[in-house]
mmCIF file of all heavy atoms, coordinates in Angstrom:
data_MODEL
# 
_entry.id   MODEL 
# 
loop_
_atom_site.group_PDB 
_atom_site.id 
_atom_site.type_symbol 
_atom_site.label_atom_id 
_atom_site.label_alt_id 
_atom_site.label_comp_id 
_atom_site.label_asym_id 
_atom_site.label_entity_id 
_atom_site.label_seq_id 
_atom_site.pdbx_PDB_ins_code 
_atom_site.Cartn_x 
_atom_site.Cartn_y 
_atom_site.Cartn_z 
_atom_site.occupancy 
_atom_site.B_iso_or_equiv 
_atom_site.pdbx_formal_charge 
_atom_site.auth_seq_id 
_atom_site.auth_comp_id 
_atom_site.auth_asym_id 
_atom_site.auth_atom_id 
_atom_site.pdbx_PDB_model_num 
ATOM 1   N N   . ALA A 1 1  ? 15.028 113.896 140.643 1.00 0.00 ? 1  ALA A N   1 
ATOM 2   C CA  . ALA A 1 1  ? 13.954 113.626 141.596 1.00 0.00 ? 1  ALA A CA  1 
ATOM 3   C C   . ALA A 1 1  ? 14.308 112.389 142.415 1.00 0.00 ? 1  ALA A C   1 
ATOM 4   O O   . ALA A 1 1  ? 15.002 111.493 141.930 1.00 0.00 ? 1  ALA A O   1 
ATOM 5   C CB  . ALA A 1 1  ? 12.636 113.414 140.865 1.00 0.00 ? 1  ALA A CB  1 
ATOM 6   N N   . PRO A 1 2  ? 13.858 112.329 143.663 1.00 0.00 ? 2  PRO A N   1 
ATOM 7   C CA  . PRO A 1 2  ? 14.171 111.172 144.496 1.00 0.00 ? 2  PRO A CA  1 
ATOM 8   C C   . PRO A 1 2  ? 13.543 109.896 143.946 1.00 0.00 ? 2  PRO A C   1 
ATOM 9   O O   . PRO A 1 2  ? 12.410 109.925 143.457 1.00 0.00 ? 2  PRO A O   1 
ATOM 10  C CB  . PRO A 1 2  ? 13.585 111.542 145.854 1.00 0.00 ? 2  PRO A CB  1 
ATOM 11  C CG  . PRO A 1 2  ? 12.565 112.582 145.561 1.00 0.00 ? 2  PRO A CG  1 
ATOM 12  C CD  . PRO A 1 2  ? 13.020 113.298 144.348 1.00 0.00 ? 2  PRO A CD  1 
ATOM 13  N N   . SER A 1 3  ? 14.283 108.804 144.028 1.00 0.00 ? 3  SER A N   1 
ATOM 14  C CA  . SER A 1 3  ? 13.761 107.508 143.587 1.00 0.00 ? 3  SER A CA  1 
ATOM 15  C C   . SER A 1 3  ? 12.863 106.920 144.660 1.00 0.00 ? 3  SER A C   1 
ATOM 16  O O   . SER A 1 3  ? 13.195 106.941 145.836 1.00 0.00 ? 3  SER A O   1 
ATOM 17  C CB  . SER A 1 3  ? 14.911 106.539 143.309 1.00 0.00 ? 3  SER A CB  1 
ATOM 18  O OG  . SER A 1 3  ? 15.707 107.026 142.274 1.00 0.00 ? 3  SER A OG  1 
ATOM 19  N N   . ASN A 1 4  ? 11.744 106.403 144.264 1.00 0.00 ? 4  ASN A N   1 
ATOM 20  C CA  . ASN A 1 4  ? 10.813 105.717 145.156 1.00 0.00 ? 4  ASN A CA  1 
ATOM 21  C C   . ASN A 1 4  ? 10.452 106.533 146.400 1.00 0.00 ? 4  ASN A C   1 
ATOM 22  O O   . ASN A 1 4  ? 10.634 106.051 147.524 1.00 0.00 ? 4  ASN A O   1 
ATOM 23  C CB  . ASN A 1 4  ? 11.377 104.350 145.554 1.00 0.00 ? 4  ASN A CB  1 
ATOM 24  C CG  . ASN A 1 4  ? 11.685 103.496 144.357 1.00 0.00 ? 4  ASN A CG  1 
ATOM 25  O OD1 . ASN A 1 4  ? 10.883 103.400 143.442 1.00 0.00 ? 4  ASN A OD1 1 
ATOM 26  N ND2 . ASN A 1 4  ? 12.853 102.900 144.339 1.00 0.00 ? 4  ASN A ND2 1 
ATOM 27  N N   . PRO A 1 5  ? 9.952  107.732 146.235 1.00 0.00 ? 5  PRO A N   1 
ATOM 28  C CA  . PRO A 1 5  ? 9.581  108.510 147.427 1.00 0.00 ? 5  PRO A CA  1 
ATOM 29  C C   . PRO A 1 5  ? 8.409  107.861 148.145 1.00 0.00 ? 5  PRO A C   1 
ATOM 30  O O   . PRO A 1 5  ? 7.538  107.265 147.525 1.00 0.00 ? 5  PRO A O   1 
ATOM 31  C CB  . PRO A 1 5  ? 9.195  109.868 146.857 1.00 0.00 ? 5  PRO A CB  1 
ATOM 32  C CG  . PRO A 1 5  ? 8.769  109.582 145.466 1.00 0.00 ? 5  PRO A CG  1 
ATOM 33  C CD  . PRO A 1 5  ? 9.620  108.433 145.009 1.00 0.00 ? 5  PRO A CD  1 
ATOM 34  N N   . GLU A 1 6  ? 8.410  107.959 149.460 1.00 0.00 ? 6  GLU A N   1 
ATOM 35  C CA  . GLU A 1 6  ? 7.284  107.443 150.233 1.00 0.00 ? 6  GLU A CA  1 
ATOM 36  C C   . GLU A 1 6  ? 6.316  108.560 150.574 1.00 0.00 ? 6  GLU A C   1 
ATOM 37  O O   . GLU A 1 6  ? 5.194  108.317 150.965 1.00 0.00 ? 6  GLU A O   1 
ATOM 38  C CB  . GLU A 1 6  ? 7.756  106.760 151.502 1.00 0.00 ? 6  GLU A CB  1 
ATOM 39  C CG  . GLU A 1 6  ? 8.348  107.703 152.500 1.00 0.00 ? 6  GLU A CG  1 
ATOM 40  C CD  . GLU A 1 6  ? 8.732  107.005 153.783 1.00 0.00 ? 6  GLU A CD  1 
ATOM 41  O OE1 . GLU A 1 6  ? 8.767  105.786 153.841 1.00 0.00 ? 6  GLU A OE1 1 
ATOM 42  O OE2 . GLU A 1 6  ? 9.013  107.718 154.745 1.00 0.00 ? 6  GLU A OE2 1 
ATOM 43  N N   . GLY A 1 7  ? 6.766  109.796 150.427 1.00 0.00 ? 7  GLY A N   1 
ATOM 44  C CA  . GLY A 1 7  ? 5.897  110.927 150.666 1.00 0.00 ? 7  GLY A CA  1 
ATOM 45  C C   . GLY A 1 7  ? 6.386  112.140 149.907 1.00 0.00 ? 7  GLY A C   1 
ATOM 46  O O   . GLY A 1 7  ? 7.585  112.376 149.814 1.00 0.00 ? 7  GLY A O   1 
ATOM 47  N N   . VAL A 1 8  ? 5.443  112.869 149.308 1.00 0.00 ? 8  VAL A N   1 
ATOM 48  C CA  . VAL A 1 8  ? 5.759  114.119 148.608 1.00 0.00 ? 8  VAL A CA  1 
ATOM 49  C C   . VAL A 1 8  ? 4.671  115.113 148.962 1.00 0.00 ? 8  VAL A C   1 
ATOM 50  O O   . VAL A 1 8  ? 3.487  114.815 148.816 1.00 0.00 ? 8  VAL A O   1 
ATOM 51  C CB  . VAL A 1 8  ? 5.809  113.930 147.081 1.00 0.00 ? 8  VAL A CB  1 
ATOM 52  C CG1 . VAL A 1 8  ? 6.095  115.246 146.381 1.00 0.00 ? 8  VAL A CG1 1 
ATOM 53  C CG2 . VAL A 1 8  ? 6.825  112.875 146.689 1.00 0.00 ? 8  VAL A CG2 1 
ATOM 54  N N   . VAL A 1 9  ? 5.072  116.285 149.471 1.00 0.00 ? 9  VAL A N   1 
ATOM 55  C CA  . VAL A 1 9  ? 4.095  117.320 149.830 1.00 0.00 ? 9  VAL A CA  1 
ATOM 56  C C   . VAL A 1 9  ? 4.611  118.689 149.424 1.00 0.00 ? 9  VAL A C   1 
ATOM 57  O O   . VAL A 1 9  ? 5.810  118.873 149.182 1.00 0.00 ? 9  VAL A O   1 
ATOM 58  C CB  . VAL A 1 9  ? 3.768  117.321 151.339 1.00 0.00 ? 9  VAL A CB  1 
ATOM 59  C CG1 . VAL A 1 9  ? 3.117  116.032 151.767 1.00 0.00 ? 9  VAL A CG1 1 
ATOM 60  C CG2 . VAL A 1 9  ? 4.983  117.612 152.164 1.00 0.00 ? 9  VAL A CG2 1 
ATOM 61  N N   . PHE A 1 10 ? 3.692  119.652 149.375 1.00 0.00 ? 10 PHE A N   1 
ATOM 62  C CA  . PHE A 1 10 ? 4.031  121.031 149.060 1.00 0.00 ? 10 PHE A CA  1 
ATOM 63  C C   . PHE A 1 10 ? 3.604  121.917 150.213 1.00 0.00 ? 10 PHE A C   1 
ATOM 64  O O   . PHE A 1 10 ? 2.484  121.795 150.726 1.00 0.00 ? 10 PHE A O   1 
ATOM 65  C CB  . PHE A 1 10 ? 3.323  121.479 147.781 1.00 0.00 ? 10 PHE A CB  1 
ATOM 66  C CG  . PHE A 1 10 ? 3.646  122.883 147.384 1.00 0.00 ? 10 PHE A CG  1 
ATOM 67  C CD1 . PHE A 1 10 ? 4.831  123.176 146.722 1.00 0.00 ? 10 PHE A CD1 1 
ATOM 68  C CD2 . PHE A 1 10 ? 2.783  123.922 147.694 1.00 0.00 ? 10 PHE A CD2 1 
ATOM 69  C CE1 . PHE A 1 10 ? 5.141  124.480 146.350 1.00 0.00 ? 10 PHE A CE1 1 
ATOM 70  C CE2 . PHE A 1 10 ? 3.083  125.221 147.328 1.00 0.00 ? 10 PHE A CE2 1 
ATOM 71  C CZ  . PHE A 1 10 ? 4.260  125.496 146.660 1.00 0.00 ? 10 PHE A CZ  1 
ATOM 72  N N   . GLY A 1 11 ? 4.499  122.814 150.641 1.00 0.00 ? 11 GLY A N   1 
ATOM 73  C CA  . GLY A 1 11 ? 4.169  123.773 151.680 1.00 0.00 ? 11 GLY A CA  1 
ATOM 74  C C   . GLY A 1 11 ? 5.239  124.829 151.794 1.00 0.00 ? 11 GLY A C   1 
ATOM 75  O O   . GLY A 1 11 ? 6.396  124.591 151.435 1.00 0.00 ? 11 GLY A O   1 
ATOM 76  N N   . ASN A 1 12 ? 4.887  125.996 152.257 1.00 0.00 ? 12 ASN A N   1 
ATOM 77  C CA  . ASN A 1 12 ? 5.832  127.113 152.405 1.00 0.00 ? 12 ASN A CA  1 
ATOM 78  C C   . ASN A 1 12 ? 6.603  127.375 151.113 1.00 0.00 ? 12 ASN A C   1 
ATOM 79  O O   . ASN A 1 12 ? 7.771  127.732 151.130 1.00 0.00 ? 12 ASN A O   1 
ATOM 80  C CB  . ASN A 1 12 ? 6.811  126.861 153.555 1.00 0.00 ? 12 ASN A CB  1 
ATOM 81  C CG  . ASN A 1 12 ? 6.153  126.964 154.909 1.00 0.00 ? 12 ASN A CG  1 
ATOM 82  O OD1 . ASN A 1 12 ? 5.060  127.488 155.041 1.00 0.00 ? 12 ASN A OD1 1 
ATOM 83  N ND2 . ASN A 1 12 ? 6.824  126.446 155.923 1.00 0.00 ? 12 ASN A ND2 1 
ATOM 84  N N   . GLY A 1 13 ? 5.956  127.170 149.963 1.00 0.00 ? 13 GLY A N   1 
ATOM 85  C CA  . GLY A 1 13 ? 6.579  127.427 148.669 1.00 0.00 ? 13 GLY A CA  1 
ATOM 86  C C   . GLY A 1 13 ? 7.607  126.400 148.253 1.00 0.00 ? 13 GLY A C   1 
ATOM 87  O O   . GLY A 1 13 ? 8.386  126.642 147.331 1.00 0.00 ? 13 GLY A O   1 
ATOM 88  N N   . THR A 1 14 ? 7.608  125.213 148.895 1.00 0.00 ? 14 THR A N   1 
ATOM 89  C CA  . THR A 1 14 ? 8.625  124.195 148.630 1.00 0.00 ? 14 THR A CA  1 
ATOM 90  C C   . THR A 1 14 ? 7.994  122.816 148.540 1.00 0.00 ? 14 THR A C   1 
ATOM 91  O O   . THR A 1 14 ? 7.128  122.464 149.339 1.00 0.00 ? 14 THR A O   1 
ATOM 92  C CB  . THR A 1 14 ? 9.663  124.179 149.770 1.00 0.00 ? 14 THR A CB  1 
ATOM 93  O OG1 . THR A 1 14 ? 10.249 125.472 149.872 1.00 0.00 ? 14 THR A OG1 1 
ATOM 94  C CG2 . THR A 1 14 ? 10.754 123.163 149.531 1.00 0.00 ? 14 THR A CG2 1 
ATOM 95  N N   . TRP A 1 15 ? 8.433  122.033 147.562 1.00 0.00 ? 15 TRP A N   1 
ATOM 96  C CA  . TRP A 1 15 ? 8.104  120.613 147.502 1.00 0.00 ? 15 TRP A CA  1 
ATOM 97  C C   . TRP A 1 15 ? 9.136  119.871 148.342 1.00 0.00 ? 15 TRP A C   1 
ATOM 98  O O   . TRP A 1 15 ? 10.333 120.162 148.273 1.00 0.00 ? 15 TRP A O   1 
ATOM 99  C CB  . TRP A 1 15 ? 8.163  120.099 146.073 1.00 0.00 ? 15 TRP A CB  1 
ATOM 100 C CG  . TRP A 1 15 ? 7.018  120.556 145.230 1.00 0.00 ? 15 TRP A CG  1 
ATOM 101 C CD1 . TRP A 1 15 ? 6.998  121.630 144.385 1.00 0.00 ? 15 TRP A CD1 1 
ATOM 102 C CD2 . TRP A 1 15 ? 5.728  119.967 145.159 1.00 0.00 ? 15 TRP A CD2 1 
ATOM 103 N NE1 . TRP A 1 15 ? 5.760  121.742 143.808 1.00 0.00 ? 15 TRP A NE1 1 
ATOM 104 C CE2 . TRP A 1 15 ? 4.963  120.721 144.261 1.00 0.00 ? 15 TRP A CE2 1 
ATOM 105 C CE3 . TRP A 1 15 ? 5.145  118.856 145.776 1.00 0.00 ? 15 TRP A CE3 1 
ATOM 106 C CZ2 . TRP A 1 15 ? 3.658  120.409 143.957 1.00 0.00 ? 15 TRP A CZ2 1 
ATOM 107 C CZ3 . TRP A 1 15 ? 3.835  118.545 145.474 1.00 0.00 ? 15 TRP A CZ3 1 
ATOM 108 C CH2 . TRP A 1 15 ? 3.101  119.322 144.569 1.00 0.00 ? 15 TRP A CH2 1 
ATOM 109 N N   . VAL A 1 16 ? 8.685  118.896 149.133 1.00 0.00 ? 16 VAL A N   1 
ATOM 110 C CA  . VAL A 1 16 ? 9.581  118.058 149.935 1.00 0.00 ? 16 VAL A CA  1 
ATOM 111 C C   . VAL A 1 16 ? 9.209  116.605 149.686 1.00 0.00 ? 16 VAL A C   1 
ATOM 112 O O   . VAL A 1 16 ? 8.022  116.253 149.661 1.00 0.00 ? 16 VAL A O   1 
ATOM 113 C CB  . VAL A 1 16 ? 9.463  118.384 151.442 1.00 0.00 ? 16 VAL A CB  1 
ATOM 114 C CG1 . VAL A 1 16 ? 10.287 117.411 152.273 1.00 0.00 ? 16 VAL A CG1 1 
ATOM 115 C CG2 . VAL A 1 16 ? 9.914  119.810 151.708 1.00 0.00 ? 16 VAL A CG2 1 
ATOM 116 N N   . ALA A 1 17 ? 10.227 115.757 149.498 1.00 0.00 ? 17 ALA A N   1 
ATOM 117 C CA  . ALA A 1 17 ? 10.012 114.322 149.312 1.00 0.00 ? 17 ALA A CA  1 
ATOM 118 C C   . ALA A 1 17 ? 10.920 113.554 150.264 1.00 0.00 ? 17 ALA A C   1 
ATOM 119 O O   . ALA A 1 17 ? 12.064 113.951 150.487 1.00 0.00 ? 17 ALA A O   1 
ATOM 120 C CB  . ALA A 1 17 ? 10.325 113.922 147.870 1.00 0.00 ? 17 ALA A CB  1 
ATOM 121 N N   . THR A 1 18 ? 10.399 112.478 150.843 1.00 0.00 ? 18 THR A N   1 
ATOM 122 C CA  . THR A 1 18 ? 11.204 111.603 151.693 1.00 0.00 ? 18 THR A CA  1 
ATOM 123 C C   . THR A 1 18 ? 11.134 110.186 151.145 1.00 0.00 ? 18 THR A C   1 
ATOM 124 O O   . THR A 1 18 ? 10.177 109.818 150.459 1.00 0.00 ? 18 THR A O   1 
ATOM 125 C CB  . THR A 1 18 ? 10.718 111.597 153.155 1.00 0.00 ? 18 THR A CB  1 
ATOM 126 O OG1 . THR A 1 18 ? 9.393  111.097 153.199 1.00 0.00 ? 18 THR A OG1 1 
ATOM 127 C CG2 . THR A 1 18 ? 10.780 112.980 153.760 1.00 0.00 ? 18 THR A CG2 1 
ATOM 128 N N   . THR A 1 19 ? 12.148 109.392 151.455 1.00 0.00 ? 19 THR A N   1 
ATOM 129 C CA  . THR A 1 19 ? 12.195 108.001 151.007 1.00 0.00 ? 19 THR A CA  1 
ATOM 130 C C   . THR A 1 19 ? 12.293 107.067 152.204 1.00 0.00 ? 19 THR A C   1 
ATOM 131 O O   . THR A 1 19 ? 12.519 107.495 153.332 1.00 0.00 ? 19 THR A O   1 
ATOM 132 C CB  . THR A 1 19 ? 13.407 107.741 150.091 1.00 0.00 ? 19 THR A CB  1 
ATOM 133 O OG1 . THR A 1 19 ? 14.592 107.759 150.886 1.00 0.00 ? 19 THR A OG1 1 
ATOM 134 C CG2 . THR A 1 19 ? 13.511 108.773 148.982 1.00 0.00 ? 19 THR A CG2 1 
ATOM 135 N N   . ALA A 1 20 ? 12.155 105.774 151.934 1.00 0.00 ? 20 ALA A N   1 
ATOM 136 C CA  . ALA A 1 20 ? 12.237 104.759 152.980 1.00 0.00 ? 20 ALA A CA  1 
ATOM 137 C C   . ALA A 1 20 ? 13.627 104.687 153.600 1.00 0.00 ? 20 ALA A C   1 
ATOM 138 O O   . ALA A 1 20 ? 13.793 104.142 154.675 1.00 0.00 ? 20 ALA A O   1 
ATOM 139 C CB  . ALA A 1 20 ? 11.844 103.398 152.422 1.00 0.00 ? 20 ALA A CB  1 
ATOM 140 N N   . LEU A 1 21 ? 14.624 105.231 152.931 1.00 0.00 ? 21 LEU A N   1 
ATOM 141 C CA  . LEU A 1 21 ? 15.997 105.202 153.447 1.00 0.00 ? 21 LEU A CA  1 
ATOM 142 C C   . LEU A 1 21 ? 16.360 106.491 154.161 1.00 0.00 ? 21 LEU A C   1 
ATOM 143 O O   . LEU A 1 21 ? 17.532 106.816 154.308 1.00 0.00 ? 21 LEU A O   1 
ATOM 144 C CB  . LEU A 1 21 ? 16.983 104.911 152.313 1.00 0.00 ? 21 LEU A CB  1 
ATOM 145 C CG  . LEU A 1 21 ? 16.775 103.560 151.627 1.00 0.00 ? 21 LEU A CG  1 
ATOM 146 C CD1 . LEU A 1 21 ? 17.730 103.403 150.454 1.00 0.00 ? 21 LEU A CD1 1 
ATOM 147 C CD2 . LEU A 1 21 ? 16.928 102.432 152.620 1.00 0.00 ? 21 LEU A CD2 1 
ATOM 148 N N   . ASN A 1 22 ? 15.346 107.252 154.577 1.00 0.00 ? 22 ASN A N   1 
ATOM 149 C CA  . ASN A 1 22 ? 15.524 108.505 155.321 1.00 0.00 ? 22 ASN A CA  1 
ATOM 150 C C   . ASN A 1 22 ? 16.187 109.607 154.516 1.00 0.00 ? 22 ASN A C   1 
ATOM 151 O O   . ASN A 1 22 ? 16.778 110.521 155.073 1.00 0.00 ? 22 ASN A O   1 
ATOM 152 C CB  . ASN A 1 22 ? 16.299 108.265 156.625 1.00 0.00 ? 22 ASN A CB  1 
ATOM 153 C CG  . ASN A 1 22 ? 15.566 107.334 157.546 1.00 0.00 ? 22 ASN A CG  1 
ATOM 154 O OD1 . ASN A 1 22 ? 14.343 107.349 157.606 1.00 0.00 ? 22 ASN A OD1 1 
ATOM 155 N ND2 . ASN A 1 22 ? 16.281 106.516 158.269 1.00 0.00 ? 22 ASN A ND2 1 
ATOM 156 N N   . ALA A 1 23 ? 16.100 109.522 153.204 1.00 0.00 ? 23 ALA A N   1 
ATOM 157 C CA  . ALA A 1 23 ? 16.617 110.587 152.352 1.00 0.00 ? 23 ALA A CA  1 
ATOM 158 C C   . ALA A 1 23 ? 15.534 111.652 152.184 1.00 0.00 ? 23 ALA A C   1 
ATOM 159 O O   . ALA A 1 23 ? 14.341 111.358 152.190 1.00 0.00 ? 23 ALA A O   1 
ATOM 160 C CB  . ALA A 1 23 ? 17.019 110.041 150.989 1.00 0.00 ? 23 ALA A CB  1 
ATOM 161 N N   . VAL A 1 24 ? 15.966 112.896 152.051 1.00 0.00 ? 24 VAL A N   1 
ATOM 162 C CA  . VAL A 1 24 ? 15.050 114.011 151.835 1.00 0.00 ? 24 VAL A CA  1 
ATOM 163 C C   . VAL A 1 24 ? 15.538 114.812 150.639 1.00 0.00 ? 24 VAL A C   1 
ATOM 164 O O   . VAL A 1 24 ? 16.737 115.042 150.485 1.00 0.00 ? 24 VAL A O   1 
ATOM 165 C CB  . VAL A 1 24 ? 14.995 114.932 153.076 1.00 0.00 ? 24 VAL A CB  1 
ATOM 166 C CG1 . VAL A 1 24 ? 14.102 116.136 152.817 1.00 0.00 ? 24 VAL A CG1 1 
ATOM 167 C CG2 . VAL A 1 24 ? 14.516 114.176 154.294 1.00 0.00 ? 24 VAL A CG2 1 
ATOM 168 N N   . SER A 1 25 ? 14.612 115.230 149.794 1.00 0.00 ? 25 SER A N   1 
ATOM 169 C CA  . SER A 1 25 ? 14.925 116.117 148.679 1.00 0.00 ? 25 SER A CA  1 
ATOM 170 C C   . SER A 1 25 ? 13.929 117.266 148.695 1.00 0.00 ? 25 SER A C   1 
ATOM 171 O O   . SER A 1 25 ? 12.797 117.113 149.138 1.00 0.00 ? 25 SER A O   1 
ATOM 172 C CB  . SER A 1 25 ? 14.833 115.374 147.347 1.00 0.00 ? 25 SER A CB  1 
ATOM 173 O OG  . SER A 1 25 ? 15.795 114.356 147.285 1.00 0.00 ? 25 SER A OG  1 
ATOM 174 N N   . ARG A 1 26 ? 14.377 118.425 148.179 1.00 0.00 ? 26 ARG A N   1 
ATOM 175 C CA  . ARG A 1 26 ? 13.549 119.637 148.132 1.00 0.00 ? 26 ARG A CA  1 
ATOM 176 C C   . ARG A 1 26 ? 13.518 120.177 146.712 1.00 0.00 ? 26 ARG A C   1 
ATOM 177 O O   . ARG A 1 26 ? 14.479 120.012 145.969 1.00 0.00 ? 26 ARG A O   1 
ATOM 178 C CB  . ARG A 1 26 ? 14.126 120.715 149.050 1.00 0.00 ? 26 ARG A CB  1 
ATOM 179 C CG  . ARG A 1 26 ? 14.214 120.320 150.487 1.00 0.00 ? 26 ARG A CG  1 
ATOM 180 C CD  . ARG A 1 26 ? 14.883 121.407 151.333 1.00 0.00 ? 26 ARG A CD  1 
ATOM 181 N NE  . ARG A 1 26 ? 14.012 122.578 151.418 1.00 0.00 ? 26 ARG A NE  1 
ATOM 182 C CZ  . ARG A 1 26 ? 14.367 123.812 151.074 1.00 0.00 ? 26 ARG A CZ  1 
ATOM 183 N NH1 . ARG A 1 26 ? 15.578 124.068 150.645 1.00 0.00 ? 26 ARG A NH1 1 
ATOM 184 N NH2 . ARG A 1 26 ? 13.512 124.815 151.187 1.00 0.00 ? 26 ARG A NH2 1 
ATOM 185 N N   . SER A 1 27 ? 12.435 120.869 146.397 1.00 0.00 ? 27 SER A N   1 
ATOM 186 C CA  . SER A 1 27 ? 12.313 121.479 145.076 1.00 0.00 ? 27 SER A CA  1 
ATOM 187 C C   . SER A 1 27 ? 11.436 122.725 145.176 1.00 0.00 ? 27 SER A C   1 
ATOM 188 O O   . SER A 1 27 ? 10.385 122.698 145.809 1.00 0.00 ? 27 SER A O   1 
ATOM 189 C CB  . SER A 1 27 ? 11.680 120.498 144.095 1.00 0.00 ? 27 SER A CB  1 
ATOM 190 O OG  . SER A 1 27 ? 11.407 121.145 142.864 1.00 0.00 ? 27 SER A OG  1 
ATOM 191 N N   . PRO A 1 28 ? 11.842 123.801 144.513 1.00 0.00 ? 28 PRO A N   1 
ATOM 192 C CA  . PRO A 1 28 ? 10.996 124.990 144.497 1.00 0.00 ? 28 PRO A CA  1 
ATOM 193 C C   . PRO A 1 28 ? 9.852  124.891 143.484 1.00 0.00 ? 28 PRO A C   1 
ATOM 194 O O   . PRO A 1 28 ? 8.859  125.600 143.596 1.00 0.00 ? 28 PRO A O   1 
ATOM 195 C CB  . PRO A 1 28 ? 11.962 126.108 144.111 1.00 0.00 ? 28 PRO A CB  1 
ATOM 196 C CG  . PRO A 1 28 ? 12.997 125.419 143.287 1.00 0.00 ? 28 PRO A CG  1 
ATOM 197 C CD  . PRO A 1 28 ? 13.133 124.038 143.870 1.00 0.00 ? 28 PRO A CD  1 
ATOM 198 N N   . ASP A 1 29 ? 9.993  123.992 142.496 1.00 0.00 ? 29 ASP A N   1 
ATOM 199 C CA  . ASP A 1 29 ? 9.024  123.944 141.413 1.00 0.00 ? 29 ASP A CA  1 
ATOM 200 C C   . ASP A 1 29 ? 8.572  122.540 141.011 1.00 0.00 ? 29 ASP A C   1 
ATOM 201 O O   . ASP A 1 29 ? 7.773  122.386 140.100 1.00 0.00 ? 29 ASP A O   1 
ATOM 202 C CB  . ASP A 1 29 ? 9.593  124.657 140.189 1.00 0.00 ? 29 ASP A CB  1 
ATOM 203 C CG  . ASP A 1 29 ? 10.924 124.068 139.735 1.00 0.00 ? 29 ASP A CG  1 
ATOM 204 O OD1 . ASP A 1 29 ? 11.320 122.975 140.207 1.00 0.00 ? 29 ASP A OD1 1 
ATOM 205 O OD2 . ASP A 1 29 ? 11.580 124.703 138.894 1.00 0.00 ? 29 ASP A OD2 1 
# 
């Protein structure tokens, strides 16, 4: 999982997280 996410949301069947360093991670579950 991303360290220190600034935002985490769920939509279109996918979790998305972003960080302060412009990193993005995705998760189906």
